[in-house]
């Protein structure tokens, strides 16, 4: 019998608006990597209801290497560029644990 384990790493190259990574269940410390050459705003979001409702956590308009901390189990995160926040280039976004 296969065991379903939550996704702990997501990555995506984004070159338009309204595109996000898949969601990843992250608990404790996690990495946030934003690289590439882009003009736009990358937003990190989290959801307490498995992705039905998303809340903005932090936004970046430059390349960044950061970490976050999530104390609660079952919370999922995603990263992407919201509608109207993309101008040009490619943003490579990665969330991992």
N, C-alpha and C. Protein backbone atom coordinates (compact mmCIF):
# COMPACT_ATOMS: atom_id res chain seq x y z
N UNK A 1 0.84 -1.18 0.00
CA UNK A 1 0.00 0.00 0.00
C UNK A 1 0.89 1.24 0.00
N UNK A 2 0.64 2.15 -0.93
CA UNK A 2 1.41 3.39 -1.03
C UNK A 2 0.95 4.37 0.05
N UNK A 3 1.90 5.11 0.56
CA UNK A 3 1.60 6.13 1.58
C UNK A 3 1.63 7.49 0.90
N UNK A 4 0.54 8.25 1.02
CA UNK A 4 0.51 9.60 0.48
C UNK A 4 1.21 10.54 1.45
N UNK A 5 2.26 11.17 0.99
CA UNK A 5 2.98 12.14 1.81
C UNK A 5 2.77 13.52 1.22
N UNK A 6 2.66 14.53 2.06
CA UNK A 6 2.46 15.89 1.55
C UNK A 6 3.67 16.34 0.73
N UNK A 7 3.41 17.13 -0.29
CA UNK A 7 4.47 17.72 -1.11
C UNK A 7 5.24 18.71 -0.25
N UNK A 8 6.57 18.61 -0.25
CA UNK A 8 7.41 19.49 0.56
C UNK A 8 8.28 20.40 -0.29
N UNK A 9 8.13 20.34 -1.63
CA UNK A 9 8.90 21.21 -2.52
C UNK A 9 8.09 21.49 -3.78
N UNK A 10 8.03 22.77 -4.16
CA UNK A 10 7.39 23.16 -5.41
C UNK A 10 8.27 24.19 -6.09
N UNK A 11 8.29 24.16 -7.40
CA UNK A 11 9.11 25.10 -8.17
C UNK A 11 8.42 25.37 -9.50
N UNK A 12 8.56 26.62 -9.97
CA UNK A 12 7.94 26.97 -11.25
C UNK A 12 8.63 28.18 -11.83
N UNK A 13 8.79 28.18 -13.15
CA UNK A 13 9.26 29.36 -13.88
C UNK A 13 8.03 30.09 -14.38
N UNK A 14 7.96 31.38 -14.06
CA UNK A 14 6.75 32.16 -14.36
C UNK A 14 7.11 33.29 -15.32
N UNK A 15 6.35 33.38 -16.42
CA UNK A 15 6.60 34.44 -17.40
C UNK A 15 5.30 35.10 -17.86
N UNK A 16 4.33 35.14 -16.96
CA UNK A 16 3.07 35.84 -17.21
C UNK A 16 2.37 36.03 -15.86
N UNK A 17 1.25 36.74 -15.85
CA UNK A 17 0.55 36.94 -14.57
C UNK A 17 -0.48 35.86 -14.32
N UNK A 18 -0.92 35.80 -13.07
CA UNK A 18 -1.94 34.86 -12.60
C UNK A 18 -1.48 33.40 -12.71
N UNK A 19 -0.19 33.17 -12.44
CA UNK A 19 0.41 31.83 -12.45
C UNK A 19 1.07 31.60 -11.09
N UNK A 20 0.82 30.42 -10.51
CA UNK A 20 1.39 30.06 -9.22
C UNK A 20 1.97 28.66 -9.27
N UNK A 21 2.84 28.35 -8.31
CA UNK A 21 3.31 26.98 -8.14
C UNK A 21 2.13 26.14 -7.66
N UNK A 22 2.31 24.84 -7.69
CA UNK A 22 1.39 23.97 -6.98
C UNK A 22 1.51 24.30 -5.49
N UNK A 23 0.65 23.76 -4.66
CA UNK A 23 0.74 24.02 -3.23
C UNK A 23 1.64 22.99 -2.55
N UNK A 24 2.28 23.42 -1.47
CA UNK A 24 3.15 22.54 -0.68
C UNK A 24 2.79 22.70 0.79
N UNK A 25 2.65 21.57 1.48
CA UNK A 25 2.39 21.61 2.91
C UNK A 25 3.72 21.79 3.63
N UNK A 26 3.89 22.93 4.28
CA UNK A 26 5.15 23.26 4.95
C UNK A 26 4.89 23.51 6.43
N UNK A 27 5.69 22.90 7.28
CA UNK A 27 5.59 23.10 8.73
C UNK A 27 6.99 23.25 9.29
N UNK A 28 7.18 24.20 10.18
CA UNK A 28 8.51 24.51 10.69
C UNK A 28 9.21 25.46 9.74
N UNK A 29 10.53 25.44 9.74
CA UNK A 29 11.30 26.31 8.85
C UNK A 29 11.24 25.80 7.42
N UNK A 30 11.14 26.74 6.46
CA UNK A 30 11.15 26.38 5.04
C UNK A 30 11.87 27.46 4.25
N UNK A 31 12.32 27.08 3.06
CA UNK A 31 13.06 27.98 2.17
C UNK A 31 12.14 28.62 1.16
N UNK A 32 12.50 29.84 0.78
CA UNK A 32 11.82 30.56 -0.28
C UNK A 32 12.90 31.14 -1.19
N UNK A 33 12.93 30.69 -2.44
CA UNK A 33 13.93 31.16 -3.40
C UNK A 33 13.23 31.83 -4.58
N UNK A 34 13.63 33.05 -4.88
CA UNK A 34 13.11 33.77 -6.04
C UNK A 34 14.33 34.21 -6.85
N UNK A 35 14.43 33.69 -8.06
CA UNK A 35 15.57 34.01 -8.91
C UNK A 35 15.07 34.32 -10.32
N UNK A 36 16.00 34.53 -11.24
CA UNK A 36 15.66 34.86 -12.61
C UNK A 36 15.83 36.34 -12.87
N UNK A 37 15.41 36.75 -14.04
CA UNK A 37 15.45 38.15 -14.44
C UNK A 37 14.03 38.53 -14.82
N UNK A 38 13.41 39.36 -14.01
CA UNK A 38 12.00 39.67 -14.21
C UNK A 38 11.68 41.07 -13.70
N UNK A 39 10.58 41.61 -14.22
CA UNK A 39 9.99 42.84 -13.70
C UNK A 39 8.57 42.46 -13.31
N UNK A 40 8.29 42.52 -12.03
CA UNK A 40 6.98 42.13 -11.52
C UNK A 40 7.04 41.92 -10.03
N UNK A 41 5.97 41.41 -9.47
CA UNK A 41 5.88 41.17 -8.03
C UNK A 41 5.48 39.72 -7.80
N UNK A 42 6.37 38.98 -7.11
CA UNK A 42 6.10 37.60 -6.73
C UNK A 42 5.48 37.62 -5.34
N UNK A 43 4.38 36.92 -5.16
CA UNK A 43 3.68 36.89 -3.88
C UNK A 43 3.68 35.47 -3.32
N UNK A 44 4.04 35.35 -2.04
CA UNK A 44 3.94 34.09 -1.32
C UNK A 44 2.58 34.09 -0.61
N UNK A 45 1.83 33.01 -0.76
CA UNK A 45 0.52 32.92 -0.15
C UNK A 45 0.41 31.63 0.67
N UNK A 46 -0.49 31.64 1.66
CA UNK A 46 -0.77 30.43 2.42
C UNK A 46 -2.27 30.24 2.56
N UNK A 47 -2.64 28.97 2.83
CA UNK A 47 -4.05 28.61 2.95
C UNK A 47 -4.22 27.67 4.14
N UNK A 48 -5.27 27.91 4.90
CA UNK A 48 -5.60 27.06 6.04
C UNK A 48 -6.68 26.03 5.70
N UNK A 49 -7.23 26.11 4.47
CA UNK A 49 -8.33 25.23 4.07
C UNK A 49 -8.01 24.47 2.78
N UNK A 50 -6.79 23.98 2.68
CA UNK A 50 -6.34 23.16 1.55
C UNK A 50 -6.40 23.86 0.20
N UNK A 51 -6.31 25.17 0.19
CA UNK A 51 -6.23 25.92 -1.06
C UNK A 51 -7.52 26.54 -1.54
N UNK A 52 -8.58 26.47 -0.76
CA UNK A 52 -9.82 27.13 -1.16
C UNK A 52 -9.71 28.65 -1.00
N UNK A 53 -9.03 29.11 0.05
CA UNK A 53 -8.85 30.53 0.33
C UNK A 53 -7.37 30.80 0.52
N UNK A 54 -6.84 31.78 -0.20
CA UNK A 54 -5.41 32.12 -0.12
C UNK A 54 -5.23 33.48 0.53
N UNK A 55 -4.20 33.59 1.38
CA UNK A 55 -3.85 34.84 2.07
C UNK A 55 -2.42 35.21 1.70
N UNK A 56 -2.21 36.48 1.35
CA UNK A 56 -0.86 36.95 1.04
C UNK A 56 -0.02 36.98 2.30
N UNK A 57 1.22 36.46 2.19
CA UNK A 57 2.16 36.44 3.30
C UNK A 57 3.23 37.50 3.10
N UNK A 58 3.84 37.51 1.92
CA UNK A 58 4.92 38.45 1.62
C UNK A 58 5.06 38.58 0.12
N UNK A 59 5.51 39.76 -0.34
CA UNK A 59 5.72 40.01 -1.77
C UNK A 59 7.14 40.48 -2.03
N UNK A 60 7.65 40.12 -3.21
CA UNK A 60 9.01 40.46 -3.61
C UNK A 60 9.02 41.01 -5.03
N UNK A 61 9.73 42.10 -5.25
CA UNK A 61 9.89 42.64 -6.61
C UNK A 61 11.34 42.50 -7.07
N UNK A 62 12.15 41.79 -6.28
CA UNK A 62 13.56 41.55 -6.62
C UNK A 62 13.91 40.09 -6.32
N UNK A 63 15.05 39.67 -6.84
CA UNK A 63 15.57 38.34 -6.54
C UNK A 63 15.81 38.26 -5.03
N UNK A 64 15.44 37.12 -4.42
CA UNK A 64 15.57 37.01 -2.97
C UNK A 64 15.76 35.56 -2.55
N UNK A 65 16.48 35.37 -1.46
CA UNK A 65 16.65 34.06 -0.82
C UNK A 65 16.28 34.26 0.64
N UNK A 66 15.17 33.69 1.05
CA UNK A 66 14.65 33.91 2.40
C UNK A 66 14.22 32.57 3.00
N UNK A 67 13.80 32.62 4.25
CA UNK A 67 13.19 31.47 4.88
C UNK A 67 11.99 31.93 5.67
N UNK A 68 11.08 31.01 5.89
CA UNK A 68 9.89 31.30 6.68
C UNK A 68 9.73 30.27 7.77
N UNK A 69 8.75 30.49 8.61
CA UNK A 69 8.45 29.54 9.68
C UNK A 69 6.95 29.42 9.80
N UNK A 70 6.45 28.19 9.75
CA UNK A 70 5.02 27.92 9.92
C UNK A 70 4.85 26.98 11.11
N UNK A 71 4.22 27.47 12.20
CA UNK A 71 4.07 26.65 13.40
C UNK A 71 2.91 25.66 13.35
N UNK A 72 1.98 25.86 12.43
CA UNK A 72 0.75 25.06 12.42
C UNK A 72 0.81 23.94 11.37
N UNK A 73 0.38 22.76 11.72
CA UNK A 73 0.33 21.64 10.78
C UNK A 73 -0.82 21.82 9.79
N UNK A 74 -0.65 21.29 8.58
CA UNK A 74 -1.72 21.29 7.59
C UNK A 74 -1.85 22.56 6.78
N UNK A 75 -0.95 23.52 6.95
CA UNK A 75 -1.01 24.77 6.20
C UNK A 75 -0.25 24.58 4.88
N UNK A 76 -0.86 25.03 3.78
CA UNK A 76 -0.21 24.91 2.48
C UNK A 76 0.20 26.30 1.97
N UNK A 77 1.29 26.31 1.22
CA UNK A 77 1.85 27.54 0.65
C UNK A 77 1.97 27.41 -0.85
N UNK A 78 1.98 28.54 -1.53
CA UNK A 78 2.28 28.61 -2.95
C UNK A 78 2.93 29.97 -3.23
N UNK A 79 3.54 30.10 -4.39
CA UNK A 79 4.19 31.35 -4.79
C UNK A 79 3.88 31.61 -6.25
N UNK A 80 3.69 32.88 -6.58
CA UNK A 80 3.41 33.20 -7.97
C UNK A 80 3.23 34.69 -8.19
N UNK A 81 2.79 35.02 -9.38
CA UNK A 81 2.57 36.41 -9.75
C UNK A 81 1.07 36.62 -9.97
N UNK A 82 0.49 37.50 -9.17
CA UNK A 82 -0.95 37.76 -9.24
C UNK A 82 -1.29 38.57 -10.50
N UNK A 83 -2.55 38.52 -10.87
CA UNK A 83 -3.05 39.27 -12.02
C UNK A 83 -2.66 40.74 -11.91
N UNK A 84 -2.08 41.29 -12.98
CA UNK A 84 -1.70 42.70 -13.01
C UNK A 84 -0.33 43.00 -12.43
N UNK A 85 0.38 41.99 -11.90
CA UNK A 85 1.68 42.23 -11.26
C UNK A 85 2.87 41.76 -12.10
N UNK A 86 2.67 41.44 -13.37
CA UNK A 86 3.75 40.98 -14.25
C UNK A 86 4.00 42.00 -15.35
N UNK A 87 5.30 42.27 -15.60
CA UNK A 87 5.66 43.16 -16.71
C UNK A 87 6.48 42.41 -17.75
N UNK A 88 7.59 41.76 -17.32
CA UNK A 88 8.44 41.08 -18.30
C UNK A 88 9.39 40.10 -17.61
N UNK A 89 10.02 39.24 -18.43
CA UNK A 89 11.05 38.33 -17.96
C UNK A 89 10.51 37.04 -17.38
N UNK A 90 11.42 36.32 -16.68
CA UNK A 90 11.06 35.05 -16.05
C UNK A 90 11.47 35.05 -14.58
N UNK A 91 10.52 34.75 -13.73
CA UNK A 91 10.79 34.58 -12.29
C UNK A 91 10.80 33.08 -12.00
N UNK A 92 11.84 32.61 -11.35
CA UNK A 92 11.92 31.20 -10.94
C UNK A 92 11.65 31.18 -9.45
N UNK A 93 10.55 30.57 -9.06
CA UNK A 93 10.15 30.56 -7.65
C UNK A 93 10.19 29.13 -7.12
N UNK A 94 10.67 28.99 -5.89
CA UNK A 94 10.79 27.68 -5.28
C UNK A 94 10.50 27.78 -3.78
N UNK A 95 9.65 26.91 -3.29
CA UNK A 95 9.38 26.76 -1.86
C UNK A 95 9.76 25.33 -1.50
N UNK A 96 10.53 25.16 -0.42
CA UNK A 96 10.97 23.80 -0.07
C UNK A 96 11.24 23.68 1.41
N UNK A 97 11.28 22.41 1.83
CA UNK A 97 11.57 22.12 3.23
C UNK A 97 12.61 21.04 3.31
